[in-house]
Amino acid sequence: MTEDVTNIDPKSSGYHTGSVETVISVEAVIEQAEKLGNGVTPAELDGMINGESFVSIESLNAGYGKMEILHDFDLRIGKGQSLCLIGPNGAGKSTILHAIFGFNRIFSGNIFVGHGSSRRDVTNMSPNQKLRQAGIAYILQDKSVFPDMTVEENLWMGGYLMDTKDQAKESAERVFEKYDRLAKRRKKPAKILSGGERRLLEISRALVMDPEVLLVDEPSIGLEPRFIDMVFEILGDLQHNEGKTIIMVEQNAKKGLEFADVGYVLVSGQTAIAGKGDELLENPEVGRLFLGG
């Protein structure tokens, strides 16, 4: 995005998909997005999910150092469901994933995982505790593989919290059984993989610990369209066939909302509007600001 629209081609692309007649600045997007809604109540968020919430955030204030990015933020998503977070740059999308996994500072509020008697407060757990004890895995943005390690060694790294190396290797074998594309390259250095295969390896490495919740940061970033489709098919399989709960940040808003059961539009650390993914796709203001239409 740029504020200078005088020399923009009339078919310039919009918010990562579609086309628009002009390109507006990030500041203008934020200003206009703030008018989308007056926020969403926890009760309304509860009504968007199936059954009881499996991941819940309640009145969270979080950020980095002394800087607060999220303000009284609430989140609800059911087990085996998916949530996509969209919004302008700086809205706090990745900060939510960081807060859930323990990568930033939480000033107040709570994060819960599970339901019924298994519901637990994970707010102050370390990332290692959240992965090992609460079943939360974080799939980083692009370029998180170890390029000079083999595909197999990269997978073993996913089990670094297991009690023994043999356990990690056994879990990696189960991943290889699921993804033949990786199994054929198990002894090759990861740097030879295509962009889509690297993303598959990043996802697969997170699966070695058999998590229940996947935090997915920008799954489509830097990928060719054919690989983007492949990655979303993989995530869809993990959700629908393995029951994984997925919370995703995705700049390709159209693709993310097409995939997700529920979507939140974030503005300045708060949820301006939320709804079922297909409902937000049909919202004309969401479309104008984020879908390139």
Protein backbone atom coordinates (compact mmCIF):
# COMPACT_ATOMS: atom_id res chain seq x y z
CA MET A 1 0.00 0.00 0.00
CA THR A 2 1.11 3.55 -0.59
CA GLU A 3 -0.23 7.02 -0.07
CA ASP A 4 0.94 8.16 -3.51
CA VAL A 5 -1.82 7.16 -5.94
CA THR A 6 -1.04 9.59 -8.73
CA ASN A 7 0.92 7.10 -10.83
CA ILE A 8 -0.87 3.91 -9.86
CA ASP A 9 -2.08 1.70 -12.67
CA PRO A 10 -5.92 1.61 -12.59
CA LYS A 11 -5.78 -2.17 -12.19
CA SER A 12 -3.48 -2.11 -9.16
CA SER A 13 -4.13 -4.94 -6.77
CA GLY A 14 -5.94 -4.35 -3.50
CA TYR A 15 -5.48 -6.00 -0.13
CA HIS A 16 -3.56 -9.01 -1.47
CA THR A 17 -6.33 -10.13 -3.81
CA GLY A 18 -8.76 -8.77 -6.35
CA SER A 19 -8.38 -5.34 -7.98
CA VAL A 20 -9.35 -1.79 -7.09
CA GLU A 21 -9.29 1.50 -8.90
CA THR A 22 -7.05 3.19 -6.34
CA VAL A 23 -4.73 2.13 -3.56
CA ILE A 24 -5.32 3.75 -0.17
CA SER A 25 -2.83 4.20 2.62
CA VAL A 26 -2.61 2.04 5.70
CA GLU A 27 -3.69 5.05 7.75
CA ALA A 28 -6.81 5.47 5.61
CA VAL A 29 -7.63 1.77 5.92
CA ILE A 30 -7.36 2.01 9.72
CA GLU A 31 -9.49 5.14 9.83
CA GLN A 32 -12.20 3.61 7.68
CA ALA A 33 -11.99 0.21 9.37
CA GLU A 34 -12.66 1.83 12.73
CA LYS A 35 -16.09 2.73 11.37
CA LEU A 36 -16.96 -0.89 10.57
CA GLY A 37 -18.49 -1.54 13.97
CA ASN A 38 -18.55 -0.65 17.63
CA GLY A 39 -16.92 -3.85 18.80
CA VAL A 40 -18.25 -7.29 19.59
CA THR A 41 -19.43 -8.54 22.98
CA PRO A 42 -18.25 -11.85 24.47
CA ALA A 43 -21.82 -13.13 24.24
CA GLU A 44 -21.85 -12.40 20.51
CA LEU A 45 -18.54 -14.22 20.10
CA ASP A 46 -19.98 -17.21 21.96
CA GLY A 47 -22.85 -17.29 19.48
CA MET A 48 -20.51 -17.68 16.50
CA ILE A 49 -18.98 -20.99 17.56
CA ASN A 50 -20.19 -24.57 17.78
CA GLY A 51 -20.83 -25.65 21.35
CA GLU A 52 -18.50 -24.64 24.15
CA SER A 53 -15.39 -22.58 23.51
CA PHE A 54 -12.13 -24.54 23.41
CA VAL A 55 -9.80 -21.53 23.24
CA SER A 56 -10.96 -18.44 25.12
CA ILE A 57 -9.34 -15.06 25.67
CA GLU A 58 -10.96 -12.82 28.24
CA SER A 59 -10.31 -9.07 28.58
CA LEU A 60 -6.71 -9.38 27.46
CA ASN A 61 -4.32 -6.45 27.51
CA ALA A 62 -0.98 -7.43 25.97
CA GLY A 63 1.96 -6.06 24.06
CA TYR A 64 5.72 -5.66 24.13
CA GLY A 65 7.78 -3.97 26.83
CA LYS A 66 5.69 -1.08 28.05
CA MET A 67 3.67 -0.85 24.84
CA GLU A 68 0.14 -2.21 25.02
CA ILE A 69 -1.13 -3.46 21.65
CA LEU A 70 -4.26 -5.43 22.60
CA HIS A 71 -6.95 -3.67 24.60
CA ASP A 72 -9.60 -5.68 26.49
CA PHE A 73 -9.48 -8.26 23.74
CA ASP A 74 -11.83 -11.27 23.75
CA LEU A 75 -11.73 -14.40 21.60
CA ARG A 76 -13.75 -17.60 21.36
CA ILE A 77 -13.32 -20.62 19.12
CA GLY A 78 -14.71 -24.13 19.46
CA LYS A 79 -12.80 -27.40 19.29
CA GLY A 80 -12.10 -28.43 15.71
CA GLN A 81 -13.04 -25.02 14.37
CA SER A 82 -10.95 -22.38 12.63
CA LEU A 83 -10.65 -18.63 13.20
CA CYS A 84 -9.01 -16.16 10.83
CA LEU A 85 -7.75 -12.78 12.02
CA ILE A 86 -7.58 -10.03 9.41
CA GLY A 87 -7.01 -6.30 9.54
CA PRO A 88 -4.56 -3.56 8.60
CA ASN A 89 -0.89 -3.69 9.47
CA GLY A 90 -0.31 -2.94 13.14
CA ALA A 91 -3.80 -3.99 14.20
CA GLY A 92 -2.47 -6.61 16.63
CA LYS A 93 -3.13 -9.81 14.71
CA SER A 94 0.20 -11.52 15.30
CA THR A 95 0.25 -10.10 18.82
CA ILE A 96 -2.74 -12.32 19.57
CA LEU A 97 -0.85 -15.43 18.46
CA HIS A 98 2.18 -14.30 20.43
CA ALA A 99 0.07 -13.78 23.54
CA ILE A 100 -1.54 -17.21 23.29
CA PHE A 101 1.85 -18.88 22.90
CA GLY A 102 3.71 -16.77 25.46
CA PHE A 103 5.93 -14.66 23.23
CA ASN A 104 4.99 -11.26 24.63
CA ARG A 105 3.94 -9.42 27.77
CA ILE A 106 0.46 -9.83 29.20
CA PHE A 107 -0.60 -6.89 31.36
CA SER A 108 -3.97 -8.31 32.39
CA GLY A 109 -6.65 -10.75 31.30
CA ASN A 110 -6.69 -14.51 30.84
CA ILE A 111 -6.23 -17.20 28.21
CA PHE A 112 -7.97 -20.57 28.62
CA VAL A 113 -7.64 -23.81 26.65
CA GLY A 114 -9.93 -26.81 26.93
CA HIS A 115 -13.48 -27.15 28.18
CA GLY A 116 -15.31 -28.76 31.03
CA SER A 117 -13.06 -30.32 33.64
CA SER A 118 -10.04 -30.04 31.29
CA ARG A 119 -10.31 -26.26 30.94
CA ARG A 120 -7.14 -24.62 32.20
CA ASP A 121 -5.70 -21.14 32.51
CA VAL A 122 -2.56 -21.03 30.34
CA THR A 123 -1.99 -17.28 30.57
CA ASN A 124 1.33 -17.39 32.39
CA MET A 125 2.71 -20.63 31.01
CA SER A 126 5.98 -20.52 29.06
CA PRO A 127 5.96 -21.46 25.36
CA ASN A 128 7.50 -24.84 26.20
CA GLN A 129 4.79 -25.52 28.79
CA LYS A 130 2.08 -24.48 26.35
CA LEU A 131 3.40 -26.86 23.72
CA ARG A 132 4.06 -29.80 25.99
CA GLN A 133 1.29 -29.47 28.58
CA ALA A 134 -1.50 -27.53 26.85
CA GLY A 135 -1.11 -28.85 23.29
CA ILE A 136 -0.59 -25.45 21.62
CA ALA A 137 1.79 -25.27 18.66
CA TYR A 138 2.96 -22.15 16.84
CA ILE A 139 3.67 -22.36 13.10
CA LEU A 140 5.92 -19.44 12.32
CA GLN A 141 5.99 -17.36 9.18
CA ASP A 142 8.19 -18.36 6.25
CA LYS A 143 11.89 -19.25 6.58
CA SER A 144 11.75 -21.08 9.90
CA VAL A 145 13.19 -24.36 8.60
CA PHE A 146 16.84 -25.25 9.17
CA PRO A 147 18.12 -25.22 5.57
CA ASP A 148 21.26 -27.29 6.03
CA MET A 149 19.55 -29.98 8.08
CA THR A 150 17.79 -32.79 6.29
CA VAL A 151 14.02 -32.91 6.12
CA GLU A 152 14.15 -35.76 8.61
CA GLU A 153 16.32 -33.80 11.05
CA ASN A 154 13.98 -30.83 10.80
CA LEU A 155 11.10 -33.06 11.81
CA TRP A 156 13.06 -34.48 14.73
CA MET A 157 13.55 -30.91 15.95
CA GLY A 158 9.77 -30.69 16.30
CA GLY A 159 9.97 -33.26 19.08
CA TYR A 160 12.66 -31.53 21.11
CA LEU A 161 10.42 -31.51 24.20
CA MET A 162 9.77 -35.25 24.12
CA ASP A 163 11.40 -37.42 26.78
CA THR A 164 13.63 -39.31 24.35
CA LYS A 165 14.97 -38.97 20.83
CA ASP A 166 13.29 -42.25 19.95
CA GLN A 167 9.89 -40.77 20.76
CA ALA A 168 10.60 -37.82 18.46
CA LYS A 169 11.70 -40.17 15.68
CA GLU A 170 8.59 -42.34 16.07
CA SER A 171 6.35 -39.28 15.87
CA ALA A 172 8.26 -38.04 12.82
CA GLU A 173 7.64 -41.39 11.13
CA ARG A 174 3.90 -40.91 11.59
CA VAL A 175 4.21 -37.54 9.86
CA PHE A 176 6.14 -39.12 6.99
CA GLU A 177 3.39 -41.71 6.63
CA LYS A 178 0.89 -38.88 6.22
CA TYR A 179 2.94 -36.74 3.82
CA ASP A 180 4.64 -38.81 1.14
CA ARG A 181 5.99 -35.64 -0.48
CA LEU A 182 8.25 -35.15 2.54
CA ALA A 183 9.03 -38.84 2.97
CA LYS A 184 10.57 -38.97 -0.52
CA ARG A 185 12.93 -36.15 0.48
CA ARG A 186 13.67 -37.19 4.05
CA LYS A 187 17.46 -37.45 3.55
CA LYS A 188 17.71 -34.27 1.46
CA PRO A 189 18.71 -30.89 2.94
CA ALA A 190 15.66 -28.72 3.54
CA LYS A 191 17.12 -25.95 1.39
CA ILE A 192 16.32 -27.90 -1.79
CA LEU A 193 12.58 -27.89 -1.07
CA SER A 194 10.16 -25.72 -3.00
CA GLY A 195 8.35 -22.92 -1.18
CA GLY A 196 5.26 -25.07 -0.76
CA GLU A 197 7.27 -28.02 0.50
CA ARG A 198 9.05 -25.81 3.05
CA ARG A 199 5.71 -24.63 4.35
CA LEU A 200 4.53 -28.24 4.54
CA LEU A 201 7.67 -29.04 6.53
CA GLU A 202 7.01 -26.14 8.91
CA ILE A 203 3.46 -27.37 9.50
CA SER A 204 4.62 -30.98 9.82
CA ARG A 205 7.30 -30.10 12.35
CA ALA A 206 4.60 -28.60 14.56
CA LEU A 207 2.60 -31.84 14.29
CA VAL A 208 5.35 -33.99 15.81
CA MET A 209 4.14 -33.03 19.31
CA ASP A 210 0.54 -33.87 18.28
CA PRO A 211 -0.93 -30.52 19.40
CA GLU A 212 -4.63 -29.79 19.68
CA VAL A 213 -4.35 -26.09 18.83
CA LEU A 214 -2.43 -24.72 15.84
CA LEU A 215 -1.46 -21.04 15.76
CA VAL A 216 -0.70 -20.34 12.11
CA ASP A 217 1.05 -17.10 11.18
CA GLU A 218 0.67 -16.06 7.53
CA PRO A 219 0.49 -19.50 5.87
CA SER A 220 0.31 -18.06 2.36
CA ILE A 221 3.13 -15.51 2.64
CA GLY A 222 5.66 -15.73 -0.19
CA LEU A 223 3.97 -18.67 -1.91
CA GLU A 224 2.86 -19.14 -5.51
CA PRO A 225 -0.92 -19.58 -5.91
CA ARG A 226 -0.66 -23.35 -6.51
CA PHE A 227 1.21 -23.78 -3.24
CA ILE A 228 -1.23 -21.55 -1.37
CA ASP A 229 -4.05 -23.90 -2.36
CA MET A 230 -1.98 -26.89 -1.24
CA VAL A 231 -1.26 -25.36 2.17
CA PHE A 232 -4.90 -24.55 2.81
CA GLU A 233 -5.89 -28.06 1.77
CA ILE A 234 -3.42 -29.41 4.34
CA LEU A 235 -4.80 -27.13 7.05
CA GLY A 236 -8.35 -28.11 6.10
CA ASP A 237 -7.45 -31.78 6.47
CA LEU A 238 -5.93 -31.14 9.90
CA GLN A 239 -9.05 -29.34 11.02
CA HIS A 240 -11.77 -31.53 9.56
CA ASN A 241 -10.15 -34.97 9.70
CA GLU A 242 -7.92 -34.66 12.75
CA GLY A 243 -9.97 -32.22 14.81
CA LYS A 244 -7.29 -29.55 15.17
CA THR A 245 -8.40 -26.13 16.35
CA ILE A 246 -6.81 -23.47 14.14
CA ILE A 247 -6.27 -19.78 14.86
CA MET A 248 -4.75 -18.07 11.86
CA VAL A 249 -3.40 -14.68 10.84
CA GLU A 250 -3.68 -14.25 7.09
CA GLN A 251 -2.96 -11.18 4.95
CA ASN A 252 -4.72 -12.83 2.01
CA ALA A 253 -8.02 -11.96 3.61
CA LYS A 254 -10.20 -13.55 0.95
CA LYS A 255 -8.40 -16.89 1.16
CA GLY A 256 -8.39 -16.82 4.96
CA LEU A 257 -12.10 -16.05 5.27
CA GLU A 258 -12.98 -18.66 2.65
CA PHE A 259 -11.17 -21.20 4.81
CA ALA A 260 -12.23 -20.18 8.30
CA ASP A 261 -15.42 -20.89 10.20
CA VAL A 262 -15.17 -17.53 11.97
CA GLY A 263 -13.38 -14.28 11.16
CA TYR A 264 -12.40 -11.25 13.21
CA VAL A 265 -11.51 -7.87 11.72
CA LEU A 266 -9.01 -6.23 14.04
CA VAL A 267 -8.40 -2.51 14.29
CA SER A 268 -6.04 -0.89 16.79
CA GLY A 269 -5.87 -3.91 19.09
CA GLN A 270 -9.60 -4.57 19.26
CA THR A 271 -12.18 -6.50 17.25
CA ALA A 272 -14.17 -4.07 15.13
CA ILE A 273 -16.40 -6.71 13.58
CA ALA A 274 -16.69 -10.50 13.76
CA GLY A 275 -18.79 -13.10 12.04
CA LYS A 276 -18.87 -16.37 10.17
CA GLY A 277 -16.21 -16.41 7.46
CA ASP A 278 -18.70 -16.46 4.60
CA GLU A 279 -20.67 -13.62 6.16
CA LEU A 280 -17.63 -11.37 6.29
CA LEU A 281 -16.86 -12.24 2.68
CA GLU A 282 -20.26 -10.83 1.76
CA ASN A 283 -19.85 -7.67 3.87
CA PRO A 284 -19.34 -4.83 1.35
CA GLU A 285 -17.21 -2.71 3.66
CA VAL A 286 -14.94 -5.62 4.56
CA GLY A 287 -14.70 -6.34 0.85
CA ARG A 288 -13.82 -2.77 -0.03
CA LEU A 289 -11.10 -2.45 2.61
CA PHE A 290 -9.60 -5.92 2.69
CA LEU A 291 -10.76 -8.04 -0.25
CA GLY A 292 -9.94 -5.72 -3.14
CA GLY A 293 -13.54 -5.26 -4.16
